[in-house]
């Protein structure tokens, strides 16, 4: 199965050796989605509800930017 690294414009590249989005066949794999600002990499302050919401927003953004359906 062919593996393709998806680069999302405006998203800060990770400081560690992984990619935010990898496509393999018709599947997308997302890794290490934290409650951070995707442009700066800074963690968003707040309680668990705020941080969970931000992590889910990041996942939605990456999936949308990767043309997921």
PDB file of N, CA and C in Angstrom:
ATOM      1  N   UNK A   1       0.848  -1.175   0.000  1.00  0.00           N
ATOM      2  CA  UNK A   1       0.000   0.000   0.000  1.00  0.00           C
ATOM      3  C   UNK A   1       0.895   1.241   0.000  1.00  0.00           C
ATOM      4  N   UNK A   2       0.584   2.170  -0.873  1.00  0.00           N
ATOM      5  CA  UNK A   2       1.356   3.405  -0.987  1.00  0.00           C
ATOM      6  C   UNK A   2       1.053   4.336   0.185  1.00  0.00           C
ATOM      7  N   UNK A   3       2.094   4.931   0.757  1.00  0.00           N
ATOM      8  CA  UNK A   3       1.956   5.879   1.862  1.00  0.00           C
ATOM      9  C   UNK A   3       2.284   7.275   1.344  1.00  0.00           C
ATOM     10  N   UNK A   4       1.423   8.241   1.684  1.00  0.00           N
ATOM     11  CA  UNK A   4       1.625   9.624   1.250  1.00  0.00           C
ATOM     12  C   UNK A   4       1.526  10.537   2.462  1.00  0.00           C
ATOM     13  N   UNK A   5       2.518  11.384   2.647  1.00  0.00           N
ATOM     14  CA  UNK A   5       2.495  12.359   3.736  1.00  0.00           C
ATOM     15  C   UNK A   5       1.737  13.582   3.246  1.00  0.00           C
ATOM     16  N   UNK A   6       0.721  13.981   4.010  1.00  0.00           N
ATOM     17  CA  UNK A   6      -0.113  15.131   3.656  1.00  0.00           C
ATOM     18  C   UNK A   6       0.393  16.347   4.431  1.00  0.00           C
ATOM     19  N   UNK A   7       0.785  17.390   3.718  1.00  0.00           N
ATOM     20  CA  UNK A   7       1.181  18.648   4.346  1.00  0.00           C
ATOM     21  C   UNK A   7       0.002  19.602   4.266  1.00  0.00           C
ATOM     22  N   UNK A   8      -0.393  20.131   5.408  1.00  0.00           N
ATOM     23  CA  UNK A   8      -1.526  21.054   5.462  1.00  0.00           C
ATOM     24  C   UNK A   8      -0.973  22.474   5.559  1.00  0.00           C
ATOM     25  N   UNK A   9      -1.267  23.334   4.575  1.00  0.00           N
ATOM     26  CA  UNK A   9      -0.768  24.709   4.598  1.00  0.00           C
ATOM     27  C   UNK A   9      -1.192  25.441   5.869  1.00  0.00           C
ATOM     28  N   UNK A  10      -0.255  26.191   6.447  1.00  0.00           N
ATOM     29  CA  UNK A  10      -0.553  26.979   7.636  1.00  0.00           C
ATOM     30  C   UNK A  10      -0.429  26.226   8.941  1.00  0.00           C
ATOM     31  N   UNK A  11      -0.124  24.931   8.880  1.00  0.00           N
ATOM     32  CA  UNK A  11       0.023  24.129  10.094  1.00  0.00           C
ATOM     33  C   UNK A  11       1.512  23.954  10.372  1.00  0.00           C
ATOM     34  N   UNK A  12       1.915  24.300  11.595  1.00  0.00           N
ATOM     35  CA  UNK A  12       3.317  24.188  11.988  1.00  0.00           C
ATOM     36  C   UNK A  12       3.756  22.730  11.917  1.00  0.00           C
ATOM     37  N   UNK A  13       4.905  22.495  11.304  1.00  0.00           N
ATOM     38  CA  UNK A  13       5.449  21.136  11.235  1.00  0.00           C
ATOM     39  C   UNK A  13       5.821  20.671  12.643  1.00  0.00           C
ATOM     40  N   UNK A  14       5.597  19.404  12.949  1.00  0.00           N
ATOM     41  CA  UNK A  14       5.933  18.889  14.281  1.00  0.00           C
ATOM     42  C   UNK A  14       7.437  18.986  14.553  1.00  0.00           C
ATOM     43  N   UNK A  15       7.788  19.138  15.835  1.00  0.00           N
ATOM     44  CA  UNK A  15       9.193  19.185  16.234  1.00  0.00           C
ATOM     45  C   UNK A  15       9.784  17.782  16.369  1.00  0.00           C
ATOM     46  N   UNK A  16       8.959  16.776  16.300  1.00  0.00           N
ATOM     47  CA  UNK A  16       9.420  15.393  16.422  1.00  0.00           C
ATOM     48  C   UNK A  16       9.235  14.672  15.085  1.00  0.00           C
ATOM     49  N   UNK A  17       9.796  13.479  14.958  1.00  0.00           N
ATOM     50  CA  UNK A  17       9.786  12.792  13.657  1.00  0.00           C
ATOM     51  C   UNK A  17       8.472  12.087  13.324  1.00  0.00           C
ATOM     52  N   UNK A  18       7.404  12.839  13.188  1.00  0.00           N
ATOM     53  CA  UNK A  18       6.126  12.284  12.747  1.00  0.00           C
ATOM     54  C   UNK A  18       5.431  13.321  11.889  1.00  0.00           C
ATOM     55  N   UNK A  19       4.352  12.925  11.276  1.00  0.00           N
ATOM     56  CA  UNK A  19       3.569  13.836  10.448  1.00  0.00           C
ATOM     57  C   UNK A  19       2.161  13.908  11.001  1.00  0.00           C
ATOM     58  N   UNK A  20       1.525  15.057  10.844  1.00  0.00           N
ATOM     59  CA  UNK A  20       0.156  15.211  11.331  1.00  0.00           C
ATOM     60  C   UNK A  20      -0.806  14.291  10.591  1.00  0.00           C
ATOM     61  N   UNK A  21      -0.643  14.181   9.271  1.00  0.00           N
ATOM     62  CA  UNK A  21      -1.576  13.388   8.460  1.00  0.00           C
ATOM     63  C   UNK A  21      -0.785  12.515   7.484  1.00  0.00           C
ATOM     64  N   UNK A  22      -1.133  11.230   7.457  1.00  0.00           N
ATOM     65  CA  UNK A  22      -0.551  10.297   6.495  1.00  0.00           C
ATOM     66  C   UNK A  22      -1.697   9.561   5.821  1.00  0.00           C
ATOM     67  N   UNK A  23      -1.622   9.478   4.500  1.00  0.00           N
ATOM     68  CA  UNK A  23      -2.637   8.760   3.732  1.00  0.00           C
ATOM     69  C   UNK A  23      -2.046   7.430   3.275  1.00  0.00           C
ATOM     70  N   UNK A  24      -2.791   6.357   3.509  1.00  0.00           N
ATOM     71  CA  UNK A  24      -2.396   5.024   3.046  1.00  0.00           C
ATOM     72  C   UNK A  24      -3.613   4.422   2.368  1.00  0.00           C
ATOM     73  N   UNK A  25      -3.534   4.262   1.060  1.00  0.00           N
ATOM     74  CA  UNK A  25      -4.710   3.803   0.318  1.00  0.00           C
ATOM     75  C   UNK A  25      -5.800   4.849   0.430  1.00  0.00           C
ATOM     76  N   UNK A  26      -6.968   4.431   0.904  1.00  0.00           N
ATOM     77  CA  UNK A  26      -8.087   5.364   1.085  1.00  0.00           C
ATOM     78  C   UNK A  26      -8.242   5.801   2.539  1.00  0.00           C
ATOM     79  N   UNK A  27      -7.265   5.477   3.389  1.00  0.00           N
ATOM     80  CA  UNK A  27      -7.337   5.812   4.810  1.00  0.00           C
ATOM     81  C   UNK A  27      -6.444   6.999   5.138  1.00  0.00           C
ATOM     82  N   UNK A  28      -6.896   7.828   6.086  1.00  0.00           N
ATOM     83  CA  UNK A  28      -6.079   8.907   6.625  1.00  0.00           C
ATOM     84  C   UNK A  28      -5.755   8.574   8.072  1.00  0.00           C
ATOM     85  N   UNK A  29      -4.499   8.754   8.446  1.00  0.00           N
ATOM     86  CA  UNK A  29      -4.064   8.531   9.815  1.00  0.00           C
ATOM     87  C   UNK A  29      -3.592   9.856  10.390  1.00  0.00           C
ATOM     88  N   UNK A  30      -4.147  10.244  11.544  1.00  0.00           N
ATOM     89  CA  UNK A  30      -3.756  11.461  12.233  1.00  0.00           C
ATOM     90  C   UNK A  30      -3.039  11.063  13.512  1.00  0.00           C
ATOM     91  N   UNK A  31      -1.976  11.805  13.858  1.00  0.00           N
ATOM     92  CA  UNK A  31      -1.217  11.477  15.057  1.00  0.00           C
ATOM     93  C   UNK A  31      -1.055  12.685  15.958  1.00  0.00           C
ATOM     94  N   UNK A  32      -0.974  12.414  17.240  1.00  0.00           N
ATOM     95  CA  UNK A  32      -0.617  13.405  18.266  1.00  0.00           C
ATOM     96  C   UNK A  32      -1.389  14.708  18.157  1.00  0.00           C
ATOM     97  N   UNK A  33      -2.690  14.626  18.122  1.00  0.00           N
ATOM     98  CA  UNK A  33      -3.501  15.839  18.058  1.00  0.00           C
ATOM     99  C   UNK A  33      -3.806  16.318  19.470  1.00  0.00           C
ATOM    100  N   UNK A  34      -3.126  17.365  19.847  1.00  0.00           N
ATOM    101  CA  UNK A  34      -3.267  17.942  21.180  1.00  0.00           C
ATOM    102  C   UNK A  34      -4.136  19.189  21.109  1.00  0.00           C
ATOM    103  N   UNK A  35      -4.309  19.812  22.250  1.00  0.00           N
ATOM    104  CA  UNK A  35      -5.084  21.058  22.295  1.00  0.00           C
ATOM    105  C   UNK A  35      -4.144  22.233  22.037  1.00  0.00           C
ATOM    106  N   UNK A  36      -3.571  22.262  20.840  1.00  0.00           N
ATOM    107  CA  UNK A  36      -2.622  23.328  20.534  1.00  0.00           C
ATOM    108  C   UNK A  36      -3.106  24.148  19.346  1.00  0.00           C
ATOM    109  N   UNK A  37      -2.547  25.337  19.247  1.00  0.00           N
ATOM    110  CA  UNK A  37      -2.780  26.185  18.090  1.00  0.00           C
ATOM    111  C   UNK A  37      -1.971  25.582  16.949  1.00  0.00           C
ATOM    112  N   UNK A  38      -2.613  25.191  15.867  1.00  0.00           N
ATOM    113  CA  UNK A  38      -1.920  24.510  14.777  1.00  0.00           C
ATOM    114  C   UNK A  38      -0.900  25.399  14.068  1.00  0.00           C
ATOM    115  N   UNK A  39      -1.075  26.712  14.137  1.00  0.00           N
ATOM    116  CA  UNK A  39      -0.137  27.620  13.468  1.00  0.00           C
ATOM    117  C   UNK A  39       1.136  27.832  14.283  1.00  0.00           C
ATOM    118  N   UNK A  40       0.996  27.903  15.612  1.00  0.00           N
ATOM    119  CA  UNK A  40       2.151  28.201  16.466  1.00  0.00           C
ATOM    120  C   UNK A  40       2.688  26.980  17.198  1.00  0.00           C
ATOM    121  N   UNK A  41       1.850  25.982  17.401  1.00  0.00           N
ATOM    122  CA  UNK A  41       2.246  24.807  18.175  1.00  0.00           C
ATOM    123  C   UNK A  41       2.090  24.999  19.673  1.00  0.00           C
ATOM    124  N   UNK A  42       1.623  26.166  20.096  1.00  0.00           N
ATOM    125  CA  UNK A  42       1.449  26.453  21.523  1.00  0.00           C
ATOM    126  C   UNK A  42       0.190  25.782  22.061  1.00  0.00           C
ATOM    127  N   UNK A  43       0.295  25.204  23.259  1.00  0.00           N
ATOM    128  CA  UNK A  43      -0.853  24.574  23.913  1.00  0.00           C
ATOM    129  C   UNK A  43      -1.862  25.647  24.312  1.00  0.00           C
ATOM    130  N   UNK A  44      -3.136  25.395  24.053  1.00  0.00           N
ATOM    131  CA  UNK A  44      -4.209  26.311  24.420  1.00  0.00           C
ATOM    132  C   UNK A  44      -4.517  26.112  25.905  1.00  0.00           C
ATOM    133  N   UNK A  45      -4.468  27.180  26.694  1.00  0.00           N
ATOM    134  CA  UNK A  45      -4.751  27.030  28.121  1.00  0.00           C
ATOM    135  C   UNK A  45      -6.240  26.790  28.373  1.00  0.00           C
ATOM    136  N   UNK A  46      -6.532  26.194  29.503  1.00  0.00           N
ATOM    137  CA  UNK A  46      -7.924  26.004  29.884  1.00  0.00           C
ATOM    138  C   UNK A  46      -8.155  24.649  30.522  1.00  0.00           C
ATOM    139  N   UNK A  47      -9.400  24.436  30.891  1.00  0.00           N
ATOM    140  CA  UNK A  47      -9.766  23.181  31.541  1.00  0.00           C
ATOM    141  C   UNK A  47      -9.899  22.058  30.510  1.00  0.00           C
ATOM    142  N   UNK A  48     -10.266  20.875  30.971  1.00  0.00           N
ATOM    143  CA  UNK A  48     -10.347  19.707  30.097  1.00  0.00           C
ATOM    144  C   UNK A  48     -11.369  19.905  28.979  1.00  0.00           C
ATOM    145  N   UNK A  49     -12.458  20.608  29.263  1.00  0.00           N
ATOM    146  CA  UNK A  49     -13.479  20.838  28.239  1.00  0.00           C
ATOM    147  C   UNK A  49     -12.930  21.704  27.100  1.00  0.00           C
ATOM    148  N   UNK A  50     -12.242  22.774  27.448  1.00  0.00           N
ATOM    149  CA  UNK A  50     -11.666  23.677  26.448  1.00  0.00           C
ATOM    150  C   UNK A  50     -10.594  22.959  25.634  1.00  0.00           C
ATOM    151  N   UNK A  51      -9.736  22.200  26.312  1.00  0.00           N
ATOM    152  CA  UNK A  51      -8.662  21.508  25.614  1.00  0.00           C
ATOM    153  C   UNK A  51      -9.193  20.385  24.723  1.00  0.00           C
ATOM    154  N   UNK A  52     -10.211  19.672  25.175  1.00  0.00           N
ATOM    155  CA  UNK A  52     -10.815  18.615  24.355  1.00  0.00           C
ATOM    156  C   UNK A  52     -11.461  19.215  23.116  1.00  0.00           C
ATOM    157  N   UNK A  53     -12.184  20.314  23.289  1.00  0.00           N
ATOM    158  CA  UNK A  53     -12.828  20.980  22.154  1.00  0.00           C
ATOM    159  C   UNK A  53     -11.779  21.405  21.119  1.00  0.00           C
ATOM    160  N   UNK A  54     -10.662  21.970  21.584  1.00  0.00           N
ATOM    161  CA  UNK A  54      -9.610  22.420  20.664  1.00  0.00           C
ATOM    162  C   UNK A  54      -8.989  21.234  19.924  1.00  0.00           C
ATOM    163  N   UNK A  55      -8.741  20.132  20.615  1.00  0.00           N
ATOM    164  CA  UNK A  55      -8.173  18.945  19.965  1.00  0.00           C
ATOM    165  C   UNK A  55      -9.124  18.423  18.887  1.00  0.00           C
ATOM    166  N   UNK A  56     -10.419  18.397  19.165  1.00  0.00           N
ATOM    167  CA  UNK A  56     -11.404  17.938  18.178  1.00  0.00           C
ATOM    168  C   UNK A  56     -11.513  18.909  17.006  1.00  0.00           C
ATOM    169  N   UNK A  57     -11.411  20.211  17.279  1.00  0.00           N
ATOM    170  CA  UNK A  57     -11.401  21.204  16.192  1.00  0.00           C
ATOM    171  C   UNK A  57     -10.177  20.998  15.298  1.00  0.00           C
ATOM    172  N   UNK A  58      -9.037  20.697  15.906  1.00  0.00           N
ATOM    173  CA  UNK A  58      -7.820  20.442  15.128  1.00  0.00           C
ATOM    174  C   UNK A  58      -7.998  19.225  14.226  1.00  0.00           C
ATOM    175  N   UNK A  59      -8.594  18.169  14.761  1.00  0.00           N
ATOM    176  CA  UNK A  59      -8.836  16.959  13.973  1.00  0.00           C
ATOM    177  C   UNK A  59      -9.742  17.274  12.791  1.00  0.00           C
ATOM    178  N   UNK A  60     -10.817  18.014  13.040  1.00  0.00           N
ATOM    179  CA  UNK A  60     -11.738  18.385  11.959  1.00  0.00           C
ATOM    180  C   UNK A  60     -11.014  19.209  10.895  1.00  0.00           C
ATOM    181  N   UNK A  61     -10.207  20.160  11.328  1.00  0.00           N
ATOM    182  CA  UNK A  61      -9.474  21.006  10.385  1.00  0.00           C
ATOM    183  C   UNK A  61      -8.541  20.171   9.510  1.00  0.00           C
ATOM    184  N   UNK A  62      -7.787  19.266  10.120  1.00  0.00           N
ATOM    185  CA  UNK A  62      -6.847  18.440   9.362  1.00  0.00           C
ATOM    186  C   UNK A  62      -7.570  17.511   8.395  1.00  0.00           C
ATOM    187  N   UNK A  63      -8.691  16.937   8.826  1.00  0.00           N
ATOM    188  CA  UNK A  63      -9.463  16.068   7.934  1.00  0.00           C
ATOM    189  C   UNK A  63     -10.041  16.860   6.765  1.00  0.00           C
ATOM    190  N   UNK A  64     -10.600  18.031   7.046  1.00  0.00           N
ATOM    191  CA  UNK A  64     -11.154  18.872   5.977  1.00  0.00           C
ATOM    192  C   UNK A  64     -10.062  19.304   4.993  1.00  0.00           C
ATOM    193  N   UNK A  65      -8.907  19.701   5.521  1.00  0.00           N
ATOM    194  CA  UNK A  65      -7.809  20.155   4.669  1.00  0.00           C
ATOM    195  C   UNK A  65      -7.207  19.017   3.846  1.00  0.00           C
ATOM    196  N   UNK A  66      -7.457  17.785   4.271  1.00  0.00           N
ATOM    197  CA  UNK A  66      -6.934  16.605   3.560  1.00  0.00           C
ATOM    198  C   UNK A  66      -7.966  16.011   2.612  1.00  0.00           C
ATOM    199  N   UNK A  67      -9.047  16.751   2.364  1.00  0.00           N
ATOM    200  CA  UNK A  67     -10.122  16.312   1.459  1.00  0.00           C
ATOM    201  C   UNK A  67     -10.772  15.006   1.890  1.00  0.00           C
ATOM    202  N   UNK A  68     -10.932  14.831   3.188  1.00  0.00           N
ATOM    203  CA  UNK A  68     -11.616  13.642   3.697  1.00  0.00           C
ATOM    204  C   UNK A  68     -13.121  13.841   3.552  1.00  0.00           C
ATOM    205  N   UNK A  69     -13.845  12.755   3.432  1.00  0.00           N
ATOM    206  CA  UNK A  69     -15.305  12.876   3.305  1.00  0.00           C
ATOM    207  C   UNK A  69     -15.988  12.380   4.553  1.00  0.00           C
TER     208      UNK A  69
END
